[in-house]
Amino acid sequence: MIRKIFFILLLSASAAYSQSDSVNTIKDVTIFHWNDFHSRNLPYRVTKKDTDSTYYVGGTGSMLGYLKKYKTDNSLILNGGDDFQGTPISSLTKGKSQVELLNLYGLDAFVVGNHEFDYGQFSLDSVLQLANFDVLSGNVYLKSLQRTLGKPWVTKTVNGVKFGIIGLTALDLMTLTVPKNVTDVQMLDTDSLINEGINFCKNEKCNVIVLLTHIGLDNDKKLAEKYYKDVDIIVGGHSHTSLFKPTIKNNVIIVQAGSYARYLGKLDLKIDVSKDTVLSGYGKLIETVLDSNVFDVAAGQKVENMVAGIQKDLMKVIGTLKKNWFSSYKEESNLGQWQADALRKRFNTDIAVLNAGGIRKSLPKGDITINDMWEINPFGNTVVIIKLSGKAVKQMFKNNLQTFVKEMDELGSSDLSIESGLKIEYDSKKILAGDENFIVSIKTADGKDIDDNKIYTIATNNYLGGQFKKYYGDVGEEIILNDTNVIDRDVMIDAVTEQKVIEGSIESRLVDVSKK
């Protein structure tokens, strides 16, 4: 059993050790980590808080440059997954570009995220064969190949400390991607995998056990509550959480480094190998601000070479944005509403719905390029049309709002449903109180009540259509998807090109009357 004594102050802990112990058994190791890169291979603009000024962060060149600046021979380098999907080069190469760039970092281990599956399970398995690092994914089993997608666990020895690292991919993977991408996948039991991995680490006489996960911070905390007697550290991803200092749960150190390579995580550890004890841990996030003195020129040039063939067309300006476009999982956004409106207009449907989580980038006011629209809509989902009765439409949004309000109350986050063609008033307090009569009104864009007996057309993408029950529950009618085979991103590019100038306005379409 691995014993842990966690001291908040590194200096206080260090003072308690004898000189001989310090020399012989106390070891320093630094874990560098990042996650949810989403193929942001080039530096990108961010807005300085509470100002209109912008600066550049991220990209492969900056991330590798900062890693080289700080790493030593006593470093362990881990990646929390979702490096694929987010920019055109990843989609066009089906992730090959990302594996080639990941090979530059000297990674010790990479855990597979859910977006690595966006090009299909067999394409993923093939491209991962190019990796020069250990790929972990112990809970994803490929049925036809009769093996897990990645290794379930590995050991790494750094500065005399033996680490056992267990890898977990998103627990709800089957609902996080288009169903056709995971037809050969079977998800294995999480507890069984972790317990087996812990036994493996103990048999290998590991000093420290690490869970390298792509399951989100809330699930990481649950694992810390359950496995604190054996697990020392959880390096996470998936929830895009910027933990500027580690979260400590039952003495388990949990870290995560936001997303899109804006931050490199650095966790300094002091470990007593004679007692298999993590004595202290100090963690922080290093912002990867573009700096010519740090930027890795060779990596930057490799990225430039990769995108050179497609860059000219992608950088074409197709419109102008008057106000910053923002996206949000938790509240209505002007970008989400504009996209839903564009979808409804293009297919002349009564309603359009999108999930906020599918919008992957906000955009500062100014020029809009084709590349921006690729990064906002990276997945290449096709547009599908669904037909439902008014009665089913009402049930659809009743189910969705119940889930959304409860998740926001319990977890502080959710995946908002974005609507066009509707205005819905509801009472969140009634939802939390268990009162089923929480819908005040559901009206169409022209102010008419939804007619139970009328058939309404709904435009959405094939991901949301394929995961309809996850988002909208059982509506009492069969969900038949009519696939238009039109890519949603192309719809948005055409809409910007046609509109030219976009104001960036926002409406109140989901109104919580309890907050008026």
Protein backbone atom coordinates (compact mmCIF):
# COMPACT_ATOMS: atom_id res chain seq x y z
CA MET A 1 0.00 0.00 0.00
CA ILE A 2 1.39 3.37 -0.95
CA ARG A 3 1.44 5.74 1.99
CA LYS A 4 1.05 9.45 1.51
CA ILE A 5 1.84 12.41 3.74
CA PHE A 6 1.08 15.66 1.97
CA PHE A 7 2.56 18.91 3.26
CA ILE A 8 1.23 22.11 1.75
CA LEU A 9 4.45 24.06 2.17
CA LEU A 10 7.44 22.59 0.46
CA LEU A 11 9.92 24.39 2.69
CA SER A 12 8.21 23.22 5.85
CA ALA A 13 8.32 19.64 4.65
CA SER A 14 11.94 19.89 3.58
CA ALA A 15 13.01 21.19 7.00
CA ALA A 16 11.75 18.03 8.65
CA TYR A 17 14.12 15.72 6.84
CA SER A 18 17.52 14.73 8.14
CA GLN A 19 20.53 15.44 5.94
CA SER A 20 21.20 11.72 5.40
CA ASP A 21 17.61 10.98 4.45
CA SER A 22 17.64 13.89 2.03
CA VAL A 23 20.74 12.57 0.28
CA ASN A 24 19.71 8.93 0.12
CA THR A 25 15.95 8.63 -0.14
CA ILE A 26 14.38 12.02 -0.86
CA LYS A 27 14.02 12.57 -4.60
CA ASP A 28 12.86 15.54 -6.66
CA VAL A 29 10.79 14.95 -9.80
CA THR A 30 8.81 17.42 -11.92
CA ILE A 31 5.77 16.35 -13.92
CA PHE A 32 5.06 18.49 -16.98
CA HIS A 33 1.60 18.06 -18.42
CA TRP A 34 -0.96 19.50 -20.82
CA ASN A 35 -4.24 18.34 -22.31
CA ASP A 36 -6.99 19.13 -24.83
CA PHE A 37 -4.60 20.68 -27.36
CA HIS A 38 -7.17 20.19 -30.15
CA SER A 39 -4.60 20.65 -32.92
CA ARG A 40 -3.96 24.31 -32.12
CA ASN A 41 -0.60 23.93 -33.81
CA LEU A 42 -0.21 27.65 -34.57
CA PRO A 43 -0.14 30.47 -31.98
CA TYR A 44 -3.54 32.13 -31.60
CA ARG A 45 -4.94 35.35 -30.20
CA VAL A 46 -6.50 35.68 -26.76
CA THR A 47 -8.04 38.75 -25.20
CA LYS A 48 -6.48 40.24 -22.10
CA LYS A 49 -8.94 40.17 -19.21
CA ASP A 50 -11.17 43.24 -18.93
CA THR A 51 -9.62 44.89 -22.01
CA ASP A 52 -9.91 44.80 -25.79
CA SER A 53 -6.18 44.18 -26.23
CA THR A 54 -5.00 40.81 -27.51
CA TYR A 55 -1.81 38.78 -27.46
CA TYR A 56 -0.66 35.41 -28.82
CA VAL A 57 -0.28 32.14 -26.93
CA GLY A 58 0.12 28.46 -27.66
CA GLY A 59 0.98 26.52 -30.75
CA THR A 60 3.42 23.65 -31.02
CA GLY A 61 6.44 25.95 -31.19
CA SER A 62 5.56 27.77 -27.98
CA MET A 63 4.54 24.66 -26.05
CA LEU A 64 7.70 22.80 -27.00
CA GLY A 65 9.82 25.89 -26.33
CA TYR A 66 8.46 26.34 -22.81
CA LEU A 67 8.84 22.62 -22.15
CA LYS A 68 12.49 22.72 -23.22
CA LYS A 69 13.06 25.82 -21.11
CA TYR A 70 11.92 24.20 -17.88
CA LYS A 71 12.43 20.43 -18.19
CA THR A 72 15.45 18.63 -16.71
CA ASP A 73 16.66 15.05 -16.53
CA ASN A 74 14.33 14.71 -13.53
CA SER A 75 11.17 15.37 -15.56
CA LEU A 76 8.20 13.16 -16.38
CA ILE A 77 6.19 14.38 -19.40
CA LEU A 78 2.50 13.45 -19.65
CA ASN A 79 -0.37 14.39 -21.98
CA GLY A 80 -4.04 14.19 -21.00
CA GLY A 81 -5.50 13.53 -24.45
CA ASP A 82 -7.68 15.22 -27.08
CA ASP A 83 -4.74 16.39 -29.17
CA PHE A 84 -6.77 15.65 -32.33
CA GLN A 85 -9.56 17.71 -33.88
CA GLY A 86 -9.81 21.46 -33.91
CA THR A 87 -8.04 22.75 -37.01
CA PRO A 88 -8.10 21.75 -40.69
CA ILE A 89 -4.74 19.97 -40.75
CA SER A 90 -5.88 17.45 -38.14
CA SER A 91 -9.09 16.69 -40.04
CA LEU A 92 -7.41 16.46 -43.44
CA THR A 93 -4.69 14.10 -42.16
CA LYS A 94 -7.04 12.19 -39.82
CA GLY A 95 -4.78 12.93 -36.87
CA LYS A 96 -1.47 11.95 -38.49
CA SER A 97 -0.24 15.55 -38.23
CA GLN A 98 -0.83 15.50 -34.48
CA VAL A 99 1.04 12.27 -33.83
CA GLU A 100 3.99 13.62 -35.83
CA LEU A 101 4.02 16.76 -33.68
CA LEU A 102 3.53 14.87 -30.43
CA ASN A 103 6.65 12.89 -31.34
CA LEU A 104 8.67 16.10 -30.88
CA TYR A 105 8.04 16.41 -27.13
CA GLY A 106 9.77 13.35 -25.71
CA LEU A 107 6.50 12.28 -24.08
CA ASP A 108 6.56 9.54 -21.48
CA ALA A 109 2.85 8.77 -21.85
CA PHE A 110 -0.25 9.99 -23.67
CA VAL A 111 -3.80 8.98 -22.77
CA VAL A 112 -6.32 8.73 -25.60
CA GLY A 113 -9.17 11.26 -25.41
CA ASN A 114 -12.64 11.08 -26.92
CA HIS A 115 -11.82 13.35 -29.88
CA GLU A 116 -9.08 11.02 -30.99
CA PHE A 117 -12.00 8.84 -32.17
CA ASP A 118 -13.45 11.51 -34.47
CA TYR A 119 -11.94 9.88 -37.54
CA GLY A 120 -12.99 6.38 -36.53
CA GLN A 121 -11.58 3.67 -34.27
CA PHE A 122 -9.52 1.89 -36.94
CA SER A 123 -8.04 5.08 -38.38
CA LEU A 124 -7.02 6.01 -34.83
CA ASP A 125 -5.49 2.62 -34.12
CA SER A 126 -3.50 2.87 -37.36
CA VAL A 127 -2.15 6.39 -36.85
CA LEU A 128 -1.14 5.67 -33.25
CA GLN A 129 1.31 3.09 -34.58
CA LEU A 130 3.46 6.09 -35.62
CA ALA A 131 3.86 7.28 -32.01
CA ASN A 132 7.29 7.21 -30.37
CA PHE A 133 5.71 7.40 -26.91
CA ASP A 134 3.54 5.12 -24.81
CA VAL A 135 -0.16 5.41 -25.63
CA LEU A 136 -2.53 4.54 -22.77
CA SER A 137 -6.21 3.63 -22.94
CA GLY A 138 -6.89 0.72 -20.65
CA ASN A 139 -10.68 0.96 -20.61
CA VAL A 140 -11.23 0.97 -24.40
CA TYR A 141 -11.33 -2.54 -25.86
CA LEU A 142 -11.32 -3.17 -29.62
CA LYS A 143 -13.50 -6.23 -30.07
CA SER A 144 -12.28 -7.35 -33.49
CA LEU A 145 -8.61 -7.04 -32.50
CA GLN A 146 -9.21 -8.51 -29.02
CA ARG A 147 -7.05 -5.97 -27.23
CA THR A 148 -7.23 -2.58 -25.62
CA LEU A 149 -6.66 0.41 -27.89
CA GLY A 150 -3.65 1.52 -25.85
CA LYS A 151 -1.64 0.04 -23.02
CA PRO A 152 -3.57 -0.09 -19.74
CA TRP A 153 -0.51 0.97 -17.71
CA VAL A 154 3.22 1.54 -17.89
CA THR A 155 6.09 2.19 -15.50
CA LYS A 156 8.62 5.00 -15.81
CA THR A 157 11.67 5.61 -13.63
CA VAL A 158 12.82 9.21 -13.14
CA ASN A 159 15.64 10.21 -10.78
CA GLY A 160 15.38 6.91 -8.95
CA VAL A 161 11.60 7.16 -8.52
CA LYS A 162 9.52 4.42 -10.15
CA PHE A 163 6.14 5.69 -11.36
CA GLY A 164 3.24 3.42 -12.24
CA ILE A 165 0.91 5.20 -14.69
CA ILE A 166 -2.63 3.93 -15.40
CA GLY A 167 -4.51 5.39 -18.39
CA LEU A 168 -8.27 6.06 -18.63
CA THR A 169 -10.18 7.37 -21.66
CA ALA A 170 -13.52 9.21 -21.28
CA LEU A 171 -15.90 6.97 -19.35
CA ASP A 172 -18.88 8.02 -21.52
CA LEU A 173 -17.00 7.72 -24.80
CA MET A 174 -19.90 5.99 -26.54
CA THR A 175 -22.06 9.12 -26.24
CA LEU A 176 -19.28 11.60 -26.99
CA THR A 177 -18.71 10.75 -30.64
CA VAL A 178 -20.73 9.80 -33.70
CA PRO A 179 -21.87 6.18 -33.16
CA LYS A 180 -20.21 4.87 -36.36
CA ASN A 181 -16.80 5.85 -34.95
CA VAL A 182 -16.99 3.38 -32.06
CA THR A 183 -18.86 0.37 -33.47
CA ASP A 184 -15.94 -1.92 -32.56
CA VAL A 185 -15.44 -0.47 -29.08
CA GLN A 186 -16.37 -2.06 -25.78
CA MET A 187 -15.87 0.04 -22.64
CA LEU A 188 -14.32 -1.96 -19.81
CA ASP A 189 -15.21 -1.59 -16.16
CA THR A 190 -13.32 1.32 -14.61
CA ASP A 191 -13.00 -0.06 -11.10
CA SER A 192 -11.74 -3.43 -12.29
CA LEU A 193 -9.14 -1.75 -14.48
CA ILE A 194 -7.87 0.55 -11.71
CA ASN A 195 -7.70 -2.23 -9.14
CA GLU A 196 -5.80 -4.46 -11.55
CA GLY A 197 -3.50 -1.56 -12.42
CA ILE A 198 -2.80 -0.84 -8.75
CA ASN A 199 -1.90 -4.49 -8.19
CA PHE A 200 0.41 -4.34 -11.20
CA CYS A 201 2.12 -1.22 -9.83
CA LYS A 202 2.58 -2.79 -6.42
CA ASN A 203 4.06 -5.96 -7.93
CA GLU A 204 6.43 -3.77 -9.93
CA LYS A 205 7.43 -2.02 -6.67
CA CYS A 206 6.39 1.41 -7.90
CA ASN A 207 7.03 4.28 -5.50
CA VAL A 208 4.24 6.48 -6.91
CA ILE A 209 0.96 5.62 -8.66
CA VAL A 210 -0.43 8.10 -11.19
CA LEU A 211 -3.78 8.04 -12.97
CA LEU A 212 -3.45 9.70 -16.38
CA THR A 213 -7.05 10.40 -17.31
CA HIS A 214 -9.30 12.00 -19.87
CA ILE A 215 -12.48 11.89 -17.81
CA GLY A 216 -12.95 15.43 -16.42
CA LEU A 217 -12.24 17.01 -13.04
CA ASP A 218 -15.44 15.85 -11.34
CA ASN A 219 -14.72 12.22 -12.19
CA ASP A 220 -11.10 12.66 -11.14
CA LYS A 221 -12.31 13.80 -7.73
CA LYS A 222 -14.53 10.73 -7.46
CA LEU A 223 -11.59 8.47 -8.20
CA ALA A 224 -9.53 10.30 -5.56
CA GLU A 225 -12.28 9.66 -3.02
CA LYS A 226 -12.30 5.96 -3.86
CA TYR A 227 -8.63 5.14 -4.41
CA TYR A 228 -6.81 7.57 -2.12
CA LYS A 229 -5.12 4.74 -0.21
CA ASP A 230 -3.11 3.78 -3.28
CA VAL A 231 -3.25 6.54 -5.89
CA ASP A 232 -0.97 9.52 -5.32
CA ILE A 233 -1.53 11.80 -8.33
CA ILE A 234 -4.16 12.29 -11.03
CA VAL A 235 -3.12 14.12 -14.21
CA GLY A 236 -6.35 14.93 -15.98
CA GLY A 237 -8.03 16.33 -19.06
CA HIS A 238 -11.40 16.54 -20.86
CA SER A 239 -13.12 19.23 -18.79
CA HIS A 240 -10.70 21.96 -20.00
CA THR A 241 -10.17 23.03 -16.40
CA SER A 242 -7.35 25.47 -15.71
CA LEU A 243 -6.13 24.45 -12.26
CA PHE A 244 -3.65 27.19 -11.41
CA LYS A 245 -2.85 25.24 -8.27
CA PRO A 246 -3.55 21.54 -7.71
CA THR A 247 -6.80 20.32 -6.26
CA ILE A 248 -6.17 18.12 -3.23
CA LYS A 249 -8.74 15.39 -2.54
CA ASN A 250 -8.02 12.96 0.28
CA ASN A 251 -4.33 13.80 -0.14
CA VAL A 252 -4.47 12.88 -3.83
CA ILE A 253 -2.94 15.64 -5.98
CA ILE A 254 -5.13 16.44 -9.02
CA VAL A 255 -3.82 18.63 -11.84
CA GLN A 256 -5.15 19.78 -15.21
CA ALA A 257 -3.86 22.46 -17.60
CA GLY A 258 -6.88 24.05 -19.29
CA SER A 259 -6.92 23.60 -23.07
CA TYR A 260 -5.57 24.66 -26.47
CA ALA A 261 -1.93 24.82 -25.26
CA ARG A 262 -2.46 28.11 -23.47
CA TYR A 263 -0.83 26.61 -20.39
CA LEU A 264 1.90 24.11 -19.62
CA GLY A 265 1.34 22.42 -16.28
CA LYS A 266 4.31 22.02 -13.92
CA LEU A 267 4.09 19.89 -10.78
CA ASP A 268 7.22 19.80 -8.57
CA LEU A 269 7.31 16.74 -6.33
CA LYS A 270 9.43 15.67 -3.41
CA ILE A 271 9.25 11.91 -2.87
CA ASP A 272 10.61 9.61 -0.19
CA VAL A 273 11.36 6.40 -2.07
CA SER A 274 12.11 4.48 1.13
CA LYS A 275 8.51 4.97 2.24
CA ASP A 276 6.78 5.20 -1.17
CA THR A 277 5.53 8.57 -0.02
CA VAL A 278 4.81 11.82 -1.84
CA LEU A 279 6.01 14.33 0.72
CA SER A 280 5.08 17.50 -1.10
CA GLY A 281 3.80 18.85 -4.37
CA TYR A 282 3.80 22.37 -5.74
CA GLY A 283 1.92 22.92 -8.98
CA LYS A 284 1.33 25.85 -11.30
CA LEU A 285 0.38 26.67 -14.89
CA ILE A 286 2.85 28.47 -17.14
CA GLU A 287 1.16 30.61 -19.81
CA THR A 288 2.73 29.91 -23.20
CA VAL A 289 2.91 33.56 -24.29
CA LEU A 290 4.53 33.92 -27.70
CA ASP A 291 8.17 34.83 -27.03
CA SER A 292 10.90 34.71 -29.68
CA ASN A 293 13.43 33.77 -27.00
CA VAL A 294 11.43 30.67 -26.06
CA PHE A 295 9.67 29.66 -29.29
CA ASP A 296 11.03 26.46 -30.84
CA VAL A 297 11.78 27.57 -34.39
CA ALA A 298 12.20 24.07 -35.82
CA ALA A 299 8.83 22.94 -34.46
CA GLY A 300 7.21 26.13 -35.71
CA GLN A 301 8.69 25.56 -39.16
CA LYS A 302 7.42 21.98 -39.19
CA VAL A 303 3.91 23.24 -38.52
CA GLU A 304 4.25 25.90 -41.21
CA ASN A 305 5.37 23.26 -43.70
CA MET A 306 2.41 21.08 -42.81
CA VAL A 307 -0.17 23.79 -43.44
CA ALA A 308 1.58 25.53 -46.34
CA GLY A 309 -0.40 23.67 -48.97
CA ILE A 310 -3.78 24.65 -47.54
CA GLN A 311 -2.98 27.91 -45.78
CA LYS A 312 -3.60 30.33 -48.65
CA ASP A 313 -7.22 29.32 -49.15
CA LEU A 314 -7.86 29.03 -45.40
CA MET A 315 -6.69 32.57 -44.67
CA LYS A 316 -9.11 34.11 -47.14
CA VAL A 317 -11.21 36.82 -45.44
CA ILE A 318 -14.91 36.16 -45.99
CA GLY A 319 -16.56 38.60 -43.57
CA THR A 320 -16.27 41.14 -40.76
CA LEU A 321 -17.37 40.74 -37.14
CA LYS A 322 -18.47 43.93 -35.36
CA LYS A 323 -18.58 42.52 -31.83
CA ASN A 324 -16.63 39.65 -30.24
CA TRP A 325 -18.20 36.27 -30.88
CA PHE A 326 -18.24 34.24 -27.68
CA SER A 327 -19.34 30.70 -26.96
CA SER A 328 -20.38 29.17 -23.65
CA TYR A 329 -21.48 25.79 -22.35
CA LYS A 330 -23.51 27.44 -19.59
CA GLU A 331 -25.38 30.38 -21.12
CA GLU A 332 -26.73 31.68 -24.40
CA SER A 333 -24.07 33.08 -26.69
CA ASN A 334 -24.13 35.29 -29.75
CA LEU A 335 -21.98 32.83 -31.70
CA GLY A 336 -24.23 29.89 -30.85
CA GLN A 337 -27.37 31.77 -31.77
CA TRP A 338 -25.90 33.02 -35.05
CA GLN A 339 -24.93 29.47 -36.05
CA ALA A 340 -28.33 28.03 -35.16
CA ASP A 341 -30.02 30.82 -37.14
CA ALA A 342 -27.77 30.13 -40.14
CA LEU A 343 -28.67 26.44 -40.01
CA ARG A 344 -32.43 27.10 -39.81
CA LYS A 345 -32.30 29.61 -42.64
CA ARG A 346 -30.26 27.36 -44.95
CA PHE A 347 -32.62 24.40 -44.63
CA ASN A 348 -35.82 26.39 -44.13
CA THR A 349 -36.79 24.41 -41.02
CA ASP A 350 -39.07 25.48 -38.19
CA ILE A 351 -36.40 24.93 -35.56
CA ALA A 352 -32.64 24.42 -35.38
CA VAL A 353 -30.72 23.06 -32.39
CA LEU A 354 -27.02 22.78 -31.63
CA ASN A 355 -25.08 21.72 -28.57
CA ALA A 356 -22.83 24.44 -27.18
CA GLY A 357 -20.02 21.94 -26.68
CA GLY A 358 -19.72 21.55 -30.45
CA ILE A 359 -18.60 25.17 -30.84
CA ARG A 360 -14.87 25.06 -30.23
CA LYS A 361 -13.63 28.62 -30.48
CA SER A 362 -14.66 32.17 -29.66
CA LEU A 363 -13.54 34.91 -32.06
CA PRO A 364 -12.46 38.52 -31.45
CA LYS A 365 -14.10 41.19 -33.56
CA GLY A 366 -12.46 41.91 -36.91
CA ASP A 367 -11.86 39.82 -40.00
CA ILE A 368 -13.44 36.39 -40.29
CA THR A 369 -11.43 33.86 -42.31
CA ILE A 370 -12.27 30.42 -43.61
CA ASN A 371 -9.75 29.07 -41.13
CA ASP A 372 -11.69 30.70 -38.27
CA MET A 373 -14.82 28.83 -39.33
CA TRP A 374 -12.87 25.56 -39.49
CA GLU A 375 -11.62 26.11 -35.95
CA ILE A 376 -15.09 27.08 -34.69
CA ASN A 377 -16.62 24.02 -36.40
CA PRO A 378 -13.83 21.44 -36.66
CA PHE A 379 -15.78 18.20 -36.60
CA GLY A 380 -17.13 18.04 -40.14
CA ASN A 381 -20.54 16.89 -38.95
CA THR A 382 -23.30 16.68 -41.52
CA VAL A 383 -26.67 18.38 -41.17
CA VAL A 384 -29.65 16.14 -40.46
CA ILE A 385 -33.36 16.96 -40.46
CA ILE A 386 -35.75 15.50 -37.87
CA LYS A 387 -39.55 15.69 -37.95
CA LEU A 388 -41.49 15.67 -34.67
CA SER A 389 -44.98 16.56 -33.52
CA GLY A 390 -45.46 19.66 -31.42
CA LYS A 391 -46.18 17.42 -28.45
CA ALA A 392 -42.83 15.70 -28.88
CA VAL A 393 -41.06 19.05 -29.31
CA LYS A 394 -42.44 20.20 -25.96
CA GLN A 395 -41.27 17.00 -24.28
CA MET A 396 -37.89 17.34 -25.96
CA PHE A 397 -37.16 20.70 -24.38
CA LYS A 398 -38.78 19.78 -21.09
CA ASN A 399 -36.35 16.85 -20.78
CA ASN A 400 -33.40 18.95 -21.86
CA LEU A 401 -34.06 21.79 -19.43
CA GLN A 402 -34.46 19.40 -16.51
CA THR A 403 -31.06 17.88 -17.25
CA PHE A 404 -29.40 21.24 -17.85
CA VAL A 405 -30.67 22.89 -14.66
CA LYS A 406 -29.85 19.89 -12.47
CA GLU A 407 -26.34 19.53 -13.91
CA MET A 408 -25.66 23.22 -13.43
CA ASP A 409 -26.86 22.97 -9.84
CA GLU A 410 -24.93 19.80 -9.00
CA LEU A 411 -21.83 20.11 -11.18
CA GLY A 412 -21.61 23.78 -12.10
CA SER A 413 -21.44 22.92 -15.81
CA SER A 414 -23.50 21.38 -18.58
CA ASP A 415 -23.80 21.37 -22.39
CA LEU A 416 -26.39 23.99 -23.25
CA SER A 417 -28.86 23.33 -26.05
CA ILE A 418 -28.84 26.27 -28.48
CA GLU A 419 -32.13 27.02 -30.22
CA SER A 420 -33.26 28.96 -33.26
CA GLY A 421 -36.95 29.46 -34.04
CA LEU A 422 -38.10 29.20 -30.43
CA LYS A 423 -38.44 31.22 -27.27
CA ILE A 424 -38.81 29.20 -24.09
CA GLU A 425 -39.70 30.48 -20.63
CA TYR A 426 -39.21 28.18 -17.67
CA ASP A 427 -38.74 28.22 -13.90
CA SER A 428 -35.50 26.63 -12.69
CA LYS A 429 -36.58 26.76 -9.04
CA LYS A 430 -39.54 24.51 -9.86
CA ILE A 431 -37.22 22.04 -11.62
CA LEU A 432 -34.99 21.81 -8.54
CA ALA A 433 -38.05 21.43 -6.34
CA GLY A 434 -39.31 18.51 -8.43
CA ASP A 435 -42.32 20.40 -9.82
CA GLU A 436 -43.06 19.06 -13.31
CA ASN A 437 -44.99 22.20 -14.28
CA PHE A 438 -41.91 24.34 -14.81
CA ILE A 439 -42.48 25.28 -18.46
CA VAL A 440 -44.15 28.70 -18.67
CA SER A 441 -44.35 28.86 -22.45
CA ILE A 442 -42.78 27.55 -25.65
CA LYS A 443 -43.40 29.77 -28.65
CA THR A 444 -42.16 29.80 -32.23
CA ALA A 445 -40.11 32.65 -33.65
CA ASP A 446 -43.29 34.42 -34.80
CA GLY A 447 -44.78 34.28 -31.29
CA LYS A 448 -47.20 31.37 -31.77
CA ASP A 449 -47.67 28.59 -29.24
CA ILE A 450 -46.37 25.16 -30.25
CA ASP A 451 -49.25 23.12 -31.71
CA ASP A 452 -49.30 19.58 -30.30
CA ASN A 453 -50.65 18.14 -33.55
CA LYS A 454 -48.48 19.99 -36.03
CA ILE A 455 -45.34 18.39 -37.47
CA TYR A 456 -42.23 20.55 -37.01
CA THR A 457 -38.96 20.23 -38.88
CA ILE A 458 -35.73 20.46 -36.87
CA ALA A 459 -32.25 20.97 -38.31
CA THR A 460 -29.23 19.79 -36.31
CA ASN A 461 -25.92 17.98 -36.85
CA ASN A 462 -25.50 14.23 -37.07
CA TYR A 463 -23.69 14.06 -33.72
CA LEU A 464 -26.56 15.65 -31.83
CA GLY A 465 -29.07 13.68 -33.87
CA GLY A 466 -27.22 10.44 -33.17
CA GLN A 467 -27.10 11.25 -29.45
CA PHE A 468 -30.65 12.64 -29.34
CA LYS A 469 -31.70 10.71 -26.24
CA LYS A 470 -28.63 11.81 -24.31
CA TYR A 471 -29.57 15.47 -24.80
CA TYR A 472 -33.36 15.40 -25.16
CA GLY A 473 -34.52 12.17 -23.57
CA ASP A 474 -37.46 10.01 -24.64
CA VAL A 475 -40.06 12.09 -26.51
CA GLY A 476 -42.47 9.24 -27.28
CA GLU A 477 -41.75 9.22 -31.01
CA GLU A 478 -39.18 7.53 -33.23
CA ILE A 479 -36.23 9.75 -34.10
CA ILE A 480 -35.59 9.42 -37.83
CA LEU A 481 -32.59 11.31 -39.18
CA ASN A 482 -32.71 12.54 -42.76
CA ASP A 483 -29.05 13.21 -43.54
CA THR A 484 -28.56 16.06 -46.01
CA ASN A 485 -24.86 15.12 -46.42
CA VAL A 486 -24.08 18.85 -46.18
CA ILE A 487 -21.23 19.61 -43.75
CA ASP A 488 -22.29 22.07 -41.04
CA ARG A 489 -19.03 24.02 -41.35
CA ASP A 490 -19.76 24.67 -45.04
CA VAL A 491 -23.14 26.07 -44.07
CA MET A 492 -21.47 28.52 -41.70
CA ILE A 493 -18.83 29.55 -44.24
CA ASP A 494 -21.53 30.21 -46.83
CA ALA A 495 -23.56 32.20 -44.29
CA VAL A 496 -20.63 34.48 -43.40
CA THR A 497 -19.79 34.96 -47.09
CA GLU A 498 -23.39 35.93 -47.84
CA GLN A 499 -23.90 38.18 -44.83
CA LYS A 500 -20.48 39.91 -45.07
CA VAL A 501 -20.92 42.05 -41.94
CA ILE A 502 -22.06 40.39 -38.70
CA GLU A 503 -23.13 42.51 -35.75
CA GLY A 504 -22.67 39.88 -33.06
CA SER A 505 -26.00 40.58 -31.35
CA ILE A 506 -27.70 38.24 -28.88
CA GLU A 507 -31.33 37.56 -27.87
CA SER A 508 -32.99 36.04 -24.81
CA ARG A 509 -34.37 32.75 -26.11
CA LEU A 510 -34.10 30.64 -22.95
CA VAL A 511 -35.63 32.72 -20.19
CA ASP A 512 -35.52 31.56 -16.58
CA VAL A 513 -38.45 33.46 -15.04
CA SER A 514 -37.20 32.71 -11.53
CA LYS A 515 -34.26 35.02 -12.19
CA LYS A 516 -36.23 37.98 -13.51
